[in-house]
Amino acid sequence: MALPALVRPRRAAPVLVCRKCLKRSDDPKEIRKAIKHALKSHDSPGHGAGEKPARIVMTSCFGLCPKRAVAVTGGVRAARGEYVLVSAAKDVPSALALLRDDPNRPG
C-alpha cells in the first residue's frame, strides 16, 4: 500500500458560496458574476505568480441564513468558521480581500 502524499495545488483555495443564500438574494446573477470576475482578475488578493485563480464552489446551507445577503467563505477563514456576508455585487472585491487577509500571517 502506498504512503499518503501531501499535494499542494497551483490553484488558490476555493471560495465557498452558499447556494441557498445566493438564490434568495436580490441579484444572484450579478453577485456570482462579480465573484467570478474578481477571482479571475490578476490583482486579486491571493493570486500570485504562476498560480491559477480560485474556483467558486456552490455549497449547501452554512446555517447562517442572513436576510438579503450571501454567505461566502474560503481558505483559512473557512477553517476558522468565519464567513463574509455580501449583499451587493459592488461589495465583492472587499469581501474577497477579507477572505484572503490572514491576521495571523507575518508581514
PDB file of N, CA and C in Angstrom:
ATOM      1  N   MET A   1       0.845  -1.171   0.000  1.00  0.00           N
ATOM      2  CA  MET A   1       0.000   0.000   0.000  1.00  0.00           C
ATOM      3  C   MET A   1       0.895   1.241   0.000  1.00  0.00           C
ATOM      4  N   ALA A   2       0.560   2.204  -0.830  1.00  0.00           N
ATOM      5  CA  ALA A   2       1.363   3.426  -0.960  1.00  0.00           C
ATOM      6  C   ALA A   2       1.146   4.347   0.235  1.00  0.00           C
ATOM      7  N   LEU A   3       2.183   5.065   0.572  1.00  0.00           N
ATOM      8  CA  LEU A   3       2.084   6.030   1.660  1.00  0.00           C
ATOM      9  C   LEU A   3       1.282   7.250   1.211  1.00  0.00           C
ATOM     10  N   PRO A   4       0.549   7.885   2.117  1.00  0.00           N
ATOM     11  CA  PRO A   4      -0.180   9.098   1.742  1.00  0.00           C
ATOM     12  C   PRO A   4       0.795  10.212   1.376  1.00  0.00           C
ATOM     13  N   ALA A   5       0.403  11.031   0.429  1.00  0.00           N
ATOM     14  CA  ALA A   5       1.252  12.130  -0.024  1.00  0.00           C
ATOM     15  C   ALA A   5       0.526  13.448   0.152  1.00  0.00           C
ATOM     16  N   LEU A   6       1.248  14.469   0.536  1.00  0.00           N
ATOM     17  CA  LEU A   6       0.705  15.807   0.670  1.00  0.00           C
ATOM     18  C   LEU A   6       0.911  16.537  -0.651  1.00  0.00           C
ATOM     19  N   VAL A   7      -0.169  17.070  -1.199  1.00  0.00           N
ATOM     20  CA  VAL A   7      -0.118  17.721  -2.503  1.00  0.00           C
ATOM     21  C   VAL A   7      -0.574  19.165  -2.353  1.00  0.00           C
ATOM     22  N   ARG A   8       0.156  20.079  -2.965  1.00  0.00           N
ATOM     23  CA  ARG A   8      -0.218  21.495  -2.963  1.00  0.00           C
ATOM     24  C   ARG A   8      -0.594  21.884  -4.395  1.00  0.00           C
ATOM     25  N   PRO A   9      -1.852  22.253  -4.606  1.00  0.00           N
ATOM     26  CA  PRO A   9      -2.280  22.616  -5.960  1.00  0.00           C
ATOM     27  C   PRO A   9      -1.730  23.975  -6.382  1.00  0.00           C
ATOM     28  N   ARG A  10      -1.700  24.212  -7.684  1.00  0.00           N
ATOM     29  CA  ARG A  10      -1.261  25.505  -8.208  1.00  0.00           C
ATOM     30  C   ARG A  10      -2.390  26.539  -8.148  1.00  0.00           C
ATOM     31  N   ARG A  11      -3.540  26.123  -7.719  1.00  0.00           N
ATOM     32  CA  ARG A  11      -4.714  26.996  -7.666  1.00  0.00           C
ATOM     33  C   ARG A  11      -4.904  27.504  -6.239  1.00  0.00           C
ATOM     34  N   ALA A  12      -5.368  28.729  -6.115  1.00  0.00           N
ATOM     35  CA  ALA A  12      -5.682  29.289  -4.794  1.00  0.00           C
ATOM     36  C   ALA A  12      -6.839  28.504  -4.170  1.00  0.00           C
ATOM     37  N   ALA A  13      -6.993  28.616  -2.861  1.00  0.00           N
ATOM     38  CA  ALA A  13      -8.068  27.911  -2.158  1.00  0.00           C
ATOM     39  C   ALA A  13      -9.423  28.326  -2.721  1.00  0.00           C
ATOM     40  N   PRO A  14     -10.369  27.401  -2.833  1.00  0.00           N
ATOM     41  CA  PRO A  14     -11.675  27.733  -3.407  1.00  0.00           C
ATOM     42  C   PRO A  14     -12.471  28.687  -2.527  1.00  0.00           C
ATOM     43  N   VAL A  15     -13.360  29.418  -3.161  1.00  0.00           N
ATOM     44  CA  VAL A  15     -14.281  30.302  -2.450  1.00  0.00           C
ATOM     45  C   VAL A  15     -15.615  29.575  -2.368  1.00  0.00           C
ATOM     46  N   LEU A  16     -16.102  29.374  -1.160  1.00  0.00           N
ATOM     47  CA  LEU A  16     -17.340  28.637  -0.932  1.00  0.00           C
ATOM     48  C   LEU A  16     -18.498  29.624  -0.803  1.00  0.00           C
ATOM     49  N   VAL A  17     -19.539  29.404  -1.605  1.00  0.00           N
ATOM     50  CA  VAL A  17     -20.700  30.288  -1.630  1.00  0.00           C
ATOM     51  C   VAL A  17     -21.941  29.467  -1.317  1.00  0.00           C
ATOM     52  N   CYS A  18     -22.759  29.938  -0.395  1.00  0.00           N
ATOM     53  CA  CYS A  18     -23.993  29.248  -0.035  1.00  0.00           C
ATOM     54  C   CYS A  18     -24.994  29.373  -1.179  1.00  0.00           C
ATOM     55  N   ARG A  19     -25.372  28.263  -1.745  1.00  0.00           N
ATOM     56  CA  ARG A  19     -26.293  28.229  -2.875  1.00  0.00           C
ATOM     57  C   ARG A  19     -27.668  28.780  -2.479  1.00  0.00           C
ATOM     58  N   LYS A  20     -28.117  28.449  -1.288  1.00  0.00           N
ATOM     59  CA  LYS A  20     -29.435  28.880  -0.818  1.00  0.00           C
ATOM     60  C   LYS A  20     -29.473  30.397  -0.611  1.00  0.00           C
ATOM     61  N   CYS A  21     -28.425  30.941  -0.015  1.00  0.00           N
ATOM     62  CA  CYS A  21     -28.341  32.396   0.187  1.00  0.00           C
ATOM     63  C   CYS A  21     -28.313  33.129  -1.151  1.00  0.00           C
ATOM     64  N   LEU A  22     -27.532  32.592  -2.082  1.00  0.00           N
ATOM     65  CA  LEU A  22     -27.407  33.225  -3.389  1.00  0.00           C
ATOM     66  C   LEU A  22     -28.751  33.238  -4.108  1.00  0.00           C
ATOM     67  N   LYS A  23     -29.474  32.145  -4.019  1.00  0.00           N
ATOM     68  CA  LYS A  23     -30.772  32.052  -4.679  1.00  0.00           C
ATOM     69  C   LYS A  23     -31.775  33.051  -4.089  1.00  0.00           C
ATOM     70  N   ARG A  24     -31.694  33.298  -2.772  1.00  0.00           N
ATOM     71  CA  ARG A  24     -32.633  34.196  -2.113  1.00  0.00           C
ATOM     72  C   ARG A  24     -32.228  35.665  -2.186  1.00  0.00           C
ATOM     73  N   SER A  25     -31.017  35.951  -2.655  1.00  0.00           N
ATOM     74  CA  SER A  25     -30.558  37.347  -2.702  1.00  0.00           C
ATOM     75  C   SER A  25     -31.300  38.130  -3.771  1.00  0.00           C
ATOM     76  N   ASP A  26     -31.173  39.460  -3.713  1.00  0.00           N
ATOM     77  CA  ASP A  26     -31.876  40.340  -4.653  1.00  0.00           C
ATOM     78  C   ASP A  26     -31.358  40.214  -6.075  1.00  0.00           C
ATOM     79  N   ASP A  27     -30.062  40.010  -6.253  1.00  0.00           N
ATOM     80  CA  ASP A  27     -29.469  39.946  -7.591  1.00  0.00           C
ATOM     81  C   ASP A  27     -28.439  38.822  -7.677  1.00  0.00           C
ATOM     82  N   PRO A  28     -28.898  37.563  -7.706  1.00  0.00           N
ATOM     83  CA  PRO A  28     -27.957  36.441  -7.649  1.00  0.00           C
ATOM     84  C   PRO A  28     -26.993  36.356  -8.830  1.00  0.00           C
ATOM     85  N   LYS A  29     -27.471  36.644 -10.039  1.00  0.00           N
ATOM     86  CA  LYS A  29     -26.591  36.536 -11.209  1.00  0.00           C
ATOM     87  C   LYS A  29     -25.464  37.553 -11.151  1.00  0.00           C
ATOM     88  N   GLU A  30     -25.769  38.775 -10.734  1.00  0.00           N
ATOM     89  CA  GLU A  30     -24.742  39.814 -10.660  1.00  0.00           C
ATOM     90  C   GLU A  30     -23.715  39.523  -9.572  1.00  0.00           C
ATOM     91  N   ILE A  31     -24.153  39.005  -8.443  1.00  0.00           N
ATOM     92  CA  ILE A  31     -23.217  38.688  -7.351  1.00  0.00           C
ATOM     93  C   ILE A  31     -22.278  37.560  -7.770  1.00  0.00           C
ATOM     94  N   ARG A  32     -22.827  36.511  -8.369  1.00  0.00           N
ATOM     95  CA  ARG A  32     -21.982  35.392  -8.814  1.00  0.00           C
ATOM     96  C   ARG A  32     -21.000  35.855  -9.896  1.00  0.00           C
ATOM     97  N   LYS A  33     -21.496  36.678 -10.816  1.00  0.00           N
ATOM     98  CA  LYS A  33     -20.645  37.197 -11.891  1.00  0.00           C
ATOM     99  C   LYS A  33     -19.522  38.067 -11.317  1.00  0.00           C
ATOM    100  N   ALA A  34     -19.836  38.880 -10.301  1.00  0.00           N
ATOM    101  CA  ALA A  34     -18.833  39.742  -9.676  1.00  0.00           C
ATOM    102  C   ALA A  34     -17.776  38.912  -8.942  1.00  0.00           C
ATOM    103  N   ILE A  35     -18.194  37.839  -8.273  1.00  0.00           N
ATOM    104  CA  ILE A  35     -17.237  36.970  -7.579  1.00  0.00           C
ATOM    105  C   ILE A  35     -16.300  36.331  -8.595  1.00  0.00           C
ATOM    106  N   LYS A  36     -16.873  35.811  -9.665  1.00  0.00           N
ATOM    107  CA  LYS A  36     -16.070  35.158 -10.700  1.00  0.00           C
ATOM    108  C   LYS A  36     -15.086  36.137 -11.334  1.00  0.00           C
ATOM    109  N   HIS A  37     -15.554  37.338 -11.624  1.00  0.00           N
ATOM    110  CA  HIS A  37     -14.689  38.357 -12.241  1.00  0.00           C
ATOM    111  C   HIS A  37     -13.563  38.753 -11.288  1.00  0.00           C
ATOM    112  N   ALA A  38     -13.899  38.955 -10.008  1.00  0.00           N
ATOM    113  CA  ALA A  38     -12.885  39.363  -9.028  1.00  0.00           C
ATOM    114  C   ALA A  38     -11.833  38.272  -8.830  1.00  0.00           C
ATOM    115  N   LEU A  39     -12.241  37.017  -8.886  1.00  0.00           N
ATOM    116  CA  LEU A  39     -11.279  35.923  -8.712  1.00  0.00           C
ATOM    117  C   LEU A  39     -10.353  35.784  -9.913  1.00  0.00           C
ATOM    118  N   LYS A  40     -10.845  36.109 -11.094  1.00  0.00           N
ATOM    119  CA  LYS A  40     -10.026  35.976 -12.300  1.00  0.00           C
ATOM    120  C   LYS A  40      -9.109  37.164 -12.536  1.00  0.00           C
ATOM    121  N   SER A  41      -9.384  38.298 -11.898  1.00  0.00           N
ATOM    122  CA  SER A  41      -8.534  39.463 -12.119  1.00  0.00           C
ATOM    123  C   SER A  41      -7.159  39.205 -11.509  1.00  0.00           C
ATOM    124  N   HIS A  42      -6.121  39.653 -12.187  1.00  0.00           N
ATOM    125  CA  HIS A  42      -4.748  39.355 -11.755  1.00  0.00           C
ATOM    126  C   HIS A  42      -4.325  40.123 -10.519  1.00  0.00           C
ATOM    127  N   ASP A  43      -5.042  41.189 -10.179  1.00  0.00           N
ATOM    128  CA  ASP A  43      -4.678  41.951  -8.989  1.00  0.00           C
ATOM    129  C   ASP A  43      -5.473  41.514  -7.766  1.00  0.00           C
ATOM    130  N   SER A  44      -6.217  40.409  -7.885  1.00  0.00           N
ATOM    131  CA  SER A  44      -6.994  39.949  -6.746  1.00  0.00           C
ATOM    132  C   SER A  44      -6.069  39.394  -5.669  1.00  0.00           C
ATOM    133  N   PRO A  45      -6.454  39.534  -4.393  1.00  0.00           N
ATOM    134  CA  PRO A  45      -5.625  39.023  -3.302  1.00  0.00           C
ATOM    135  C   PRO A  45      -5.490  37.506  -3.395  1.00  0.00           C
ATOM    136  N   GLY A  46      -4.309  36.998  -3.112  1.00  0.00           N
ATOM    137  CA  GLY A  46      -4.077  35.568  -3.125  1.00  0.00           C
ATOM    138  C   GLY A  46      -3.779  35.013  -4.503  1.00  0.00           C
ATOM    139  N   HIS A  47      -3.736  35.859  -5.489  1.00  0.00           N
ATOM    140  CA  HIS A  47      -3.478  35.420  -6.864  1.00  0.00           C
ATOM    141  C   HIS A  47      -2.026  35.729  -7.180  1.00  0.00           C
ATOM    142  N   GLY A  48      -1.152  34.791  -6.843  1.00  0.00           N
ATOM    143  CA  GLY A  48       0.282  35.004  -7.005  1.00  0.00           C
ATOM    144  C   GLY A  48       0.768  34.635  -8.392  1.00  0.00           C
ATOM    145  N   ALA A  49       2.045  34.804  -8.611  1.00  0.00           N
ATOM    146  CA  ALA A  49       2.654  34.491  -9.901  1.00  0.00           C
ATOM    147  C   ALA A  49       2.628  32.978 -10.119  1.00  0.00           C
ATOM    148  N   GLY A  50       2.147  32.574 -11.266  1.00  0.00           N
ATOM    149  CA  GLY A  50       2.078  31.161 -11.598  1.00  0.00           C
ATOM    150  C   GLY A  50       0.950  30.414 -10.922  1.00  0.00           C
ATOM    151  N   GLU A  51       0.116  31.121 -10.202  1.00  0.00           N
ATOM    152  CA  GLU A  51      -0.995  30.487  -9.504  1.00  0.00           C
ATOM    153  C   GLU A  51      -2.284  30.723 -10.274  1.00  0.00           C
ATOM    154  N   LYS A  52      -3.065  29.680 -10.439  1.00  0.00           N
ATOM    155  CA  LYS A  52      -4.346  29.805 -11.124  1.00  0.00           C
ATOM    156  C   LYS A  52      -5.350  30.455 -10.175  1.00  0.00           C
ATOM    157  N   PRO A  53      -6.370  31.132 -10.742  1.00  0.00           N
ATOM    158  CA  PRO A  53      -7.366  31.763  -9.869  1.00  0.00           C
ATOM    159  C   PRO A  53      -8.202  30.723  -9.122  1.00  0.00           C
ATOM    160  N   ALA A  54      -8.727  31.121  -7.991  1.00  0.00           N
ATOM    161  CA  ALA A  54      -9.566  30.235  -7.186  1.00  0.00           C
ATOM    162  C   ALA A  54     -10.861  29.926  -7.930  1.00  0.00           C
ATOM    163  N   ARG A  55     -11.459  28.834  -7.564  1.00  0.00           N
ATOM    164  CA  ARG A  55     -12.750  28.460  -8.140  1.00  0.00           C
ATOM    165  C   ARG A  55     -13.868  28.773  -7.161  1.00  0.00           C
ATOM    166  N   ILE A  56     -15.052  28.961  -7.716  1.00  0.00           N
ATOM    167  CA  ILE A  56     -16.248  29.132  -6.900  1.00  0.00           C
ATOM    168  C   ILE A  56     -16.860  27.760  -6.703  1.00  0.00           C
ATOM    169  N   VAL A  57     -17.147  27.415  -5.463  1.00  0.00           N
ATOM    170  CA  VAL A  57     -17.804  26.151  -5.151  1.00  0.00           C
ATOM    171  C   VAL A  57     -19.127  26.484  -4.473  1.00  0.00           C
ATOM    172  N   MET A  58     -20.211  26.083  -5.113  1.00  0.00           N
ATOM    173  CA  MET A  58     -21.533  26.295  -4.540  1.00  0.00           C
ATOM    174  C   MET A  58     -21.773  25.191  -3.513  1.00  0.00           C
ATOM    175  N   THR A  59     -22.141  25.570  -2.299  1.00  0.00           N
ATOM    176  CA  THR A  59     -22.309  24.605  -1.219  1.00  0.00           C
ATOM    177  C   THR A  59     -23.746  24.586  -0.728  1.00  0.00           C
ATOM    178  N   SER A  60     -24.021  23.658   0.138  1.00  0.00           N
ATOM    179  CA  SER A  60     -25.316  23.650   0.799  1.00  0.00           C
ATOM    180  C   SER A  60     -25.297  24.711   1.901  1.00  0.00           C
ATOM    181  N   CYS A  61     -26.346  24.805   2.638  1.00  0.00           N
ATOM    182  CA  CYS A  61     -26.531  25.870   3.629  1.00  0.00           C
ATOM    183  C   CYS A  61     -25.459  25.829   4.728  1.00  0.00           C
ATOM    184  N   PHE A  62     -24.927  27.003   5.062  1.00  0.00           N
ATOM    185  CA  PHE A  62     -23.976  27.134   6.168  1.00  0.00           C
ATOM    186  C   PHE A  62     -24.696  27.245   7.507  1.00  0.00           C
ATOM    187  N   GLY A  63     -26.000  27.502   7.476  1.00  0.00           N
ATOM    188  CA  GLY A  63     -26.782  27.634   8.698  1.00  0.00           C
ATOM    189  C   GLY A  63     -26.867  29.055   9.226  1.00  0.00           C
ATOM    190  N   LEU A  64     -26.359  30.028   8.473  1.00  0.00           N
ATOM    191  CA  LEU A  64     -26.401  31.431   8.900  1.00  0.00           C
ATOM    192  C   LEU A  64     -27.702  32.093   8.481  1.00  0.00           C
ATOM    193  N   CYS A  65     -28.109  31.890   7.250  1.00  0.00           N
ATOM    194  CA  CYS A  65     -29.346  32.405   6.662  1.00  0.00           C
ATOM    195  C   CYS A  65     -29.560  33.904   6.906  1.00  0.00           C
ATOM    196  N   PRO A  66     -28.656  34.751   6.422  1.00  0.00           N
ATOM    197  CA  PRO A  66     -28.843  36.195   6.591  1.00  0.00           C
ATOM    198  C   PRO A  66     -29.940  36.718   5.663  1.00  0.00           C
ATOM    199  N   LYS A  67     -30.568  37.790   6.047  1.00  0.00           N
ATOM    200  CA  LYS A  67     -31.587  38.419   5.200  1.00  0.00           C
ATOM    201  C   LYS A  67     -30.890  39.247   4.131  1.00  0.00           C
ATOM    202  N   ARG A  68     -31.242  39.025   2.881  1.00  0.00           N
ATOM    203  CA  ARG A  68     -30.742  39.790   1.727  1.00  0.00           C
ATOM    204  C   ARG A  68     -29.219  39.837   1.624  1.00  0.00           C
ATOM    205  N   ALA A  69     -28.540  38.778   2.001  1.00  0.00           N
ATOM    206  CA  ALA A  69     -27.080  38.713   1.870  1.00  0.00           C
ATOM    207  C   ALA A  69     -26.679  37.285   1.536  1.00  0.00           C
ATOM    208  N   VAL A  70     -25.464  37.137   1.041  1.00  0.00           N
ATOM    209  CA  VAL A  70     -24.933  35.838   0.655  1.00  0.00           C
ATOM    210  C   VAL A  70     -23.742  35.514   1.552  1.00  0.00           C
ATOM    211  N   ALA A  71     -23.736  34.326   2.134  1.00  0.00           N
ATOM    212  CA  ALA A  71     -22.631  33.887   2.986  1.00  0.00           C
ATOM    213  C   ALA A  71     -21.530  33.309   2.105  1.00  0.00           C
ATOM    214  N   VAL A  72     -20.305  33.846   2.264  1.00  0.00           N
ATOM    215  CA  VAL A  72     -19.148  33.439   1.473  1.00  0.00           C
ATOM    216  C   VAL A  72     -17.991  33.165   2.428  1.00  0.00           C
ATOM    217  N   THR A  73     -17.215  32.120   2.144  1.00  0.00           N
ATOM    218  CA  THR A  73     -16.034  31.815   2.946  1.00  0.00           C
ATOM    219  C   THR A  73     -15.009  31.080   2.080  1.00  0.00           C
ATOM    220  N   GLY A  74     -13.856  30.854   2.626  1.00  0.00           N
ATOM    221  CA  GLY A  74     -12.828  30.124   1.894  1.00  0.00           C
ATOM    222  C   GLY A  74     -11.488  30.213   2.599  1.00  0.00           C
ATOM    223  N   GLY A  75     -10.609  29.289   2.268  1.00  0.00           N
ATOM    224  CA  GLY A  75      -9.251  29.301   2.800  1.00  0.00           C
ATOM    225  C   GLY A  75      -9.191  29.188   4.313  1.00  0.00           C
ATOM    226  N   VAL A  76      -8.356  30.009   4.909  1.00  0.00           N
ATOM    227  CA  VAL A  76      -8.141  29.995   6.358  1.00  0.00           C
ATOM    228  C   VAL A  76      -9.417  30.380   7.097  1.00  0.00           C
ATOM    229  N   ARG A  77     -10.178  31.306   6.523  1.00  0.00           N
ATOM    230  CA  ARG A  77     -11.422  31.742   7.169  1.00  0.00           C
ATOM    231  C   ARG A  77     -12.410  30.593   7.299  1.00  0.00           C
ATOM    232  N   ALA A  78     -12.485  29.728   6.305  1.00  0.00           N
ATOM    233  CA  ALA A  78     -13.399  28.581   6.370  1.00  0.00           C
ATOM    234  C   ALA A  78     -12.979  27.632   7.485  1.00  0.00           C
ATOM    235  N   ALA A  79     -11.674  27.436   7.643  1.00  0.00           N
ATOM    236  CA  ALA A  79     -11.174  26.556   8.694  1.00  0.00           C
ATOM    237  C   ALA A  79     -11.519  27.090  10.082  1.00  0.00           C
ATOM    238  N   ARG A  80     -11.564  28.400  10.205  1.00  0.00           N
ATOM    239  CA  ARG A  80     -11.897  29.021  11.498  1.00  0.00           C
ATOM    240  C   ARG A  80     -13.400  29.180  11.708  1.00  0.00           C
ATOM    241  N   GLY A  81     -14.193  28.891  10.688  1.00  0.00           N
ATOM    242  CA  GLY A  81     -15.642  29.066  10.804  1.00  0.00           C
ATOM    243  C   GLY A  81     -16.069  30.513  10.662  1.00  0.00           C
ATOM    244  N   GLU A  82     -15.302  31.301   9.906  1.00  0.00           N
ATOM    245  CA  GLU A  82     -15.615  32.714   9.686  1.00  0.00           C
ATOM    246  C   GLU A  82     -16.208  32.896   8.291  1.00  0.00           C
ATOM    247  N   TYR A  83     -17.198  33.758   8.188  1.00  0.00           N
ATOM    248  CA  TYR A  83     -17.900  33.991   6.926  1.00  0.00           C
ATOM    249  C   TYR A  83     -17.968  35.482   6.647  1.00  0.00           C
ATOM    250  N   VAL A  84     -18.072  35.830   5.378  1.00  0.00           N
ATOM    251  CA  VAL A  84     -18.265  37.212   4.958  1.00  0.00           C
ATOM    252  C   VAL A  84     -19.644  37.272   4.315  1.00  0.00           C
ATOM    253  N   LEU A  85     -20.418  38.299   4.661  1.00  0.00           N
ATOM    254  CA  LEU A  85     -21.745  38.470   4.080  1.00  0.00           C
ATOM    255  C   LEU A  85     -21.689  39.514   2.984  1.00  0.00           C
ATOM    256  N   VAL A  86     -22.168  39.155   1.795  1.00  0.00           N
ATOM    257  CA  VAL A  86     -22.163  40.041   0.632  1.00  0.00           C
ATOM    258  C   VAL A  86     -23.602  40.324   0.256  1.00  0.00           C
ATOM    259  N   SER A  87     -23.965  41.611   0.200  1.00  0.00           N
ATOM    260  CA  SER A  87     -25.342  41.957  -0.141  1.00  0.00           C
ATOM    261  C   SER A  87     -25.485  42.544  -1.541  1.00  0.00           C
ATOM    262  N   ALA A  88     -24.385  42.985  -2.140  1.00  0.00           N
ATOM    263  CA  ALA A  88     -24.440  43.561  -3.488  1.00  0.00           C
ATOM    264  C   ALA A  88     -23.157  43.224  -4.236  1.00  0.00           C
ATOM    265  N   ALA A  89     -23.242  43.256  -5.554  1.00  0.00           N
ATOM    266  CA  ALA A  89     -22.093  42.921  -6.392  1.00  0.00           C
ATOM    267  C   ALA A  89     -20.920  43.874  -6.164  1.00  0.00           C
ATOM    268  N   LYS A  90     -21.196  45.118  -5.819  1.00  0.00           N
ATOM    269  CA  LYS A  90     -20.126  46.096  -5.600  1.00  0.00           C
ATOM    270  C   LYS A  90     -19.314  45.799  -4.332  1.00  0.00           C
ATOM    271  N   ASP A  91     -19.854  44.977  -3.437  1.00  0.00           N
ATOM    272  CA  ASP A  91     -19.166  44.627  -2.193  1.00  0.00           C
ATOM    273  C   ASP A  91     -18.220  43.434  -2.337  1.00  0.00           C
ATOM    274  N   VAL A  92     -18.253  42.772  -3.482  1.00  0.00           N
ATOM    275  CA  VAL A  92     -17.494  41.534  -3.669  1.00  0.00           C
ATOM    276  C   VAL A  92     -15.984  41.716  -3.538  1.00  0.00           C
ATOM    277  N   PRO A  93     -15.341  42.710  -4.182  1.00  0.00           N
ATOM    278  CA  PRO A  93     -13.880  42.824  -4.045  1.00  0.00           C
ATOM    279  C   PRO A  93     -13.405  42.985  -2.597  1.00  0.00           C
ATOM    280  N   SER A  94     -14.102  43.796  -1.818  1.00  0.00           N
ATOM    281  CA  SER A  94     -13.688  43.971  -0.423  1.00  0.00           C
ATOM    282  C   SER A  94     -13.966  42.707   0.393  1.00  0.00           C
ATOM    283  N   ALA A  95     -15.015  41.973   0.051  1.00  0.00           N
ATOM    284  CA  ALA A  95     -15.318  40.724   0.748  1.00  0.00           C
ATOM    285  C   ALA A  95     -14.241  39.679   0.472  1.00  0.00           C
ATOM    286  N   LEU A  96     -13.808  39.583  -0.784  1.00  0.00           N
ATOM    287  CA  LEU A  96     -12.752  38.624  -1.120  1.00  0.00           C
ATOM    288  C   LEU A  96     -11.422  39.022  -0.487  1.00  0.00           C
ATOM    289  N   ALA A  97     -11.178  40.328  -0.360  1.00  0.00           N
ATOM    290  CA  ALA A  97      -9.963  40.784   0.316  1.00  0.00           C
ATOM    291  C   ALA A  97      -9.988  40.368   1.789  1.00  0.00           C
ATOM    292  N   LEU A  98     -11.156  40.427   2.403  1.00  0.00           N
ATOM    293  CA  LEU A  98     -11.284  39.975   3.799  1.00  0.00           C
ATOM    294  C   LEU A  98     -11.025  38.481   3.915  1.00  0.00           C
ATOM    295  N   LEU A  99     -11.491  37.708   2.940  1.00  0.00           N
ATOM    296  CA  LEU A  99     -11.272  36.263   2.977  1.00  0.00           C
ATOM    297  C   LEU A  99      -9.800  35.915   2.850  1.00  0.00           C
ATOM    298  N   ARG A 100      -9.077  36.628   2.012  1.00  0.00           N
ATOM    299  CA  ARG A 100      -7.669  36.320   1.757  1.00  0.00           C
ATOM    300  C   ARG A 100      -6.746  36.878   2.830  1.00  0.00           C
ATOM    301  N   ASP A 101      -7.200  37.877   3.578  1.00  0.00           N
ATOM    302  CA  ASP A 101      -6.388  38.507   4.602  1.00  0.00           C
ATOM    303  C   ASP A 101      -6.341  37.615   5.827  1.00  0.00           C
ATOM    304  N   ASP A 102      -5.156  37.185   6.208  1.00  0.00           N
ATOM    305  CA  ASP A 102      -4.972  36.338   7.383  1.00  0.00           C
ATOM    306  C   ASP A 102      -4.269  37.159   8.464  1.00  0.00           C
ATOM    307  N   PRO A 103      -4.983  37.515   9.538  1.00  0.00           N
ATOM    308  CA  PRO A 103      -4.366  38.348  10.579  1.00  0.00           C
ATOM    309  C   PRO A 103      -3.209  37.669  11.303  1.00  0.00           C
ATOM    310  N   ASN A 104      -3.097  36.348  11.242  1.00  0.00           N
ATOM    311  CA  ASN A 104      -2.002  35.642  11.924  1.00  0.00           C
ATOM    312  C   ASN A 104      -0.772  35.473  11.058  1.00  0.00           C
ATOM    313  N   ARG A 105      -0.866  35.859   9.786  1.00  0.00           N
ATOM    314  CA  ARG A 105       0.277  35.714   8.877  1.00  0.00           C
ATOM    315  C   ARG A 105       1.250  36.870   9.098  1.00  0.00           C
ATOM    316  N   PRO A 106       2.522  36.577   9.254  1.00  0.00           N
ATOM    317  CA  PRO A 106       3.504  37.657   9.445  1.00  0.00           C
ATOM    318  C   PRO A 106       3.675  38.478   8.167  1.00  0.00           C
ATOM    319  N   GLY A 107       3.946  39.758   8.340  1.00  0.00           N
ATOM    320  CA  GLY A 107       4.227  40.604   7.193  1.00  0.00           C
ATOM    321  C   GLY A 107       3.112  41.422   6.856  1.00  0.00           C
TER     322      GLY A 107
END
